[in-house]
């Protein structure tokens, strides 16, 4: 029997366990040379009609979250990302969640249960995720002015919120 990702259920469980192990890891650079480097435009179209990371735009900081419908920590992160969007979008924060599911019905079901007030993009072939060497769900990257990669974070736990908020507010030049 296979999961919605085309994996046998025992393989999916093994992947989930591996993903849970990453939750304990927290913030790690995607690669030592990537932090601070300029990220090329991400032209994948988001639900707000804009590219995920356009050449220019009104946003000073972009928080990109890679997620999947089967990911339990992703369900925890959506309310927090809604809060960040509501609190700081007028200050220049853009939140974009990039989904990696191949089955769009799984995405829609997840979004019905976990509504997003921020932009969502679909990357079923994981083209963008591969560019960033995404290995765990969820993984977020925060991109600042001039498209410089500021930090990344693997996993999401409720106790991560304060540190992530502090780092994002700092990138925006604000107090949390």
Protein backbone atom coordinates (compact mmCIF):
# COMPACT_ATOMS: atom_id res chain seq x y z
CA UNK A 1 0.00 0.00 0.00
CA UNK A 2 1.31 3.48 -0.83
CA UNK A 3 0.84 6.97 0.58
CA UNK A 4 -0.29 10.05 -1.37
CA UNK A 5 3.38 10.69 -2.16
CA UNK A 6 3.68 7.31 -3.86
CA UNK A 7 5.77 5.89 -1.01
CA UNK A 8 5.01 2.67 0.81
CA UNK A 9 3.46 3.51 4.20
CA UNK A 10 6.42 2.02 6.11
CA UNK A 11 8.80 4.23 4.09
CA UNK A 12 6.64 7.28 4.79
CA UNK A 13 6.70 6.45 8.53
CA UNK A 14 10.48 6.16 8.37
CA UNK A 15 10.67 9.55 6.62
CA UNK A 16 8.40 11.05 9.27
CA UNK A 17 10.66 9.71 12.02
CA UNK A 18 13.69 11.16 10.26
CA UNK A 19 11.87 14.46 9.91
CA UNK A 20 11.03 14.41 13.61
CA UNK A 21 14.72 13.93 14.38
CA UNK A 22 15.43 17.11 12.45
CA UNK A 23 13.00 18.99 14.70
CA UNK A 24 15.50 18.77 17.50
CA UNK A 25 18.19 20.28 15.28
CA UNK A 26 16.67 23.76 14.96
CA UNK A 27 18.45 26.50 13.03
CA UNK A 28 21.18 25.29 10.74
CA UNK A 29 22.71 26.88 7.68
CA UNK A 30 21.64 25.29 4.41
CA UNK A 31 25.28 25.47 3.45
CA UNK A 32 28.06 27.50 4.96
CA UNK A 33 28.59 29.52 1.78
CA UNK A 34 24.87 30.23 1.27
CA UNK A 35 24.27 32.45 4.31
CA UNK A 36 24.62 36.08 3.33
CA UNK A 37 24.79 35.25 -0.38
CA UNK A 38 22.27 36.77 -2.77
CA UNK A 39 19.48 34.40 -3.73
CA UNK A 40 18.47 34.55 -7.40
CA UNK A 41 14.84 35.42 -8.12
CA UNK A 42 12.36 32.62 -7.47
CA UNK A 43 9.89 33.00 -10.31
CA UNK A 44 7.50 30.31 -9.06
CA UNK A 45 4.09 32.01 -9.00
CA UNK A 46 2.44 32.46 -5.58
CA UNK A 47 -1.28 32.67 -4.85
CA UNK A 48 -1.09 36.48 -4.58
CA UNK A 49 -0.06 36.70 -8.25
CA UNK A 50 3.55 37.60 -7.49
CA UNK A 51 6.66 35.48 -7.99
CA UNK A 52 7.80 33.92 -4.70
CA UNK A 53 10.91 36.11 -4.69
CA UNK A 54 10.64 38.80 -7.37
CA UNK A 55 13.46 40.99 -8.66
CA UNK A 56 11.86 44.00 -6.95
CA UNK A 57 8.94 44.57 -4.64
CA UNK A 58 7.79 46.35 -1.52
CA UNK A 59 9.04 43.61 0.83
CA UNK A 60 12.16 44.10 2.91
CA UNK A 61 12.18 40.56 4.32
CA UNK A 62 10.71 37.37 2.83
CA UNK A 63 10.04 34.34 5.01
CA UNK A 64 9.76 31.25 2.77
CA UNK A 65 8.46 28.06 4.33
CA UNK A 66 8.73 24.71 2.52
CA UNK A 67 5.95 22.36 3.65
CA UNK A 68 3.91 19.25 2.82
CA UNK A 69 0.36 18.21 3.66
CA UNK A 70 1.48 15.11 5.58
CA UNK A 71 3.79 17.11 7.86
CA UNK A 72 2.48 17.46 11.46
CA UNK A 73 4.83 20.35 12.40
CA UNK A 74 3.63 22.18 9.27
CA UNK A 75 0.12 22.23 10.77
CA UNK A 76 1.57 23.91 13.86
CA UNK A 77 3.45 26.51 11.82
CA UNK A 78 0.49 27.82 9.79
CA UNK A 79 -1.26 29.72 12.63
CA UNK A 80 2.08 31.27 13.59
CA UNK A 81 2.82 32.30 9.98
CA UNK A 82 -0.68 33.86 9.83
CA UNK A 83 0.21 35.85 12.96
CA UNK A 84 3.54 37.01 11.48
CA UNK A 85 1.82 37.99 8.24
CA UNK A 86 -0.88 39.95 10.06
CA UNK A 87 1.57 41.60 12.44
CA UNK A 88 4.36 42.58 10.05
CA UNK A 89 3.22 42.55 6.42
CA UNK A 90 2.64 46.30 6.63
CA UNK A 91 6.22 46.64 7.90
CA UNK A 92 7.69 44.86 4.88
CA UNK A 93 7.48 41.15 5.74
CA UNK A 94 6.31 38.75 3.08
CA UNK A 95 5.40 35.20 4.11
CA UNK A 96 5.25 32.58 1.36
CA UNK A 97 4.64 28.88 1.95
CA UNK A 98 5.89 26.60 -0.84
CA UNK A 99 4.13 23.24 -0.92
CA UNK A 100 5.96 20.16 -2.23
CA UNK A 101 3.03 17.72 -2.56
CA UNK A 102 2.51 16.11 -5.95
CA UNK A 103 -1.25 15.69 -5.38
CA UNK A 104 -3.08 19.02 -5.43
CA UNK A 105 -6.10 17.51 -3.66
CA UNK A 106 -3.88 16.91 -0.60
CA UNK A 107 -2.79 20.56 -0.70
CA UNK A 108 -6.38 21.83 -0.93
CA UNK A 109 -7.52 19.57 1.92
CA UNK A 110 -4.67 20.82 4.12
CA UNK A 111 -5.44 24.47 3.30
CA UNK A 112 -9.14 23.98 4.08
CA UNK A 113 -8.17 22.69 7.52
CA UNK A 114 -5.30 25.18 7.99
CA UNK A 115 -6.21 28.39 6.13
CA UNK A 116 -3.35 30.65 5.03
CA UNK A 117 -3.70 34.43 5.00
CA UNK A 118 -0.27 34.62 3.36
CA UNK A 119 0.84 33.61 -0.14
CA UNK A 120 1.12 29.94 -1.07
CA UNK A 121 3.00 28.49 -4.04
CA UNK A 122 3.10 24.95 -5.43
CA UNK A 123 6.36 23.18 -6.28
CA UNK A 124 5.21 19.58 -6.97
CA UNK A 125 8.45 18.75 -8.76
CA UNK A 126 10.48 20.20 -5.85
CA UNK A 127 12.51 22.30 -8.31
CA UNK A 128 12.90 25.24 -5.91
CA UNK A 129 13.31 22.94 -2.90
CA UNK A 130 16.21 21.18 -4.62
CA UNK A 131 17.91 24.54 -5.28
CA UNK A 132 17.93 25.12 -1.53
CA UNK A 133 18.74 21.51 -0.63
CA UNK A 134 15.59 21.21 1.50
CA UNK A 135 15.86 17.99 3.50
CA UNK A 136 13.22 18.34 6.24
CA UNK A 137 9.62 19.49 6.53
CA UNK A 138 9.05 22.23 7.27
CA UNK A 139 12.19 24.19 6.47
CA UNK A 140 12.14 27.95 6.31
CA UNK A 141 14.58 30.42 4.85
CA UNK A 142 14.54 34.12 5.55
CA UNK A 143 15.73 36.47 2.85
CA UNK A 144 16.52 40.11 3.51
CA UNK A 145 17.30 43.19 1.49
CA UNK A 146 19.09 42.63 -1.81
CA UNK A 147 17.83 39.02 -1.64
CA UNK A 148 20.56 38.08 0.88
CA UNK A 149 19.87 34.83 2.72
CA UNK A 150 19.76 35.71 6.41
CA UNK A 151 19.01 32.41 8.14
CA UNK A 152 17.29 29.07 7.82
CA UNK A 153 15.36 26.91 10.23
CA UNK A 154 14.52 23.21 10.03
CA UNK A 155 11.39 21.88 11.67
CA UNK A 156 8.85 23.80 13.73
CA UNK A 157 8.02 23.47 17.40
CA UNK A 158 5.81 25.80 19.39
CA UNK A 159 8.85 26.80 21.46
CA UNK A 160 10.59 27.98 18.23
CA UNK A 161 8.14 30.85 17.76
CA UNK A 162 9.79 33.40 20.05
CA UNK A 163 13.27 32.95 18.58
CA UNK A 164 11.98 33.02 14.99
CA UNK A 165 9.92 36.13 15.72
CA UNK A 166 12.94 37.83 17.31
CA UNK A 167 15.10 37.05 14.29
CA UNK A 168 12.46 38.21 11.79
CA UNK A 169 11.77 41.43 13.70
CA UNK A 170 15.51 42.05 13.83
CA UNK A 171 15.77 41.56 10.08
CA UNK A 172 12.95 44.10 9.68
CA UNK A 173 14.74 46.48 12.04
CA UNK A 174 11.84 46.26 14.56
CA UNK A 175 11.32 45.08 18.11
CA UNK A 176 9.15 41.98 18.55
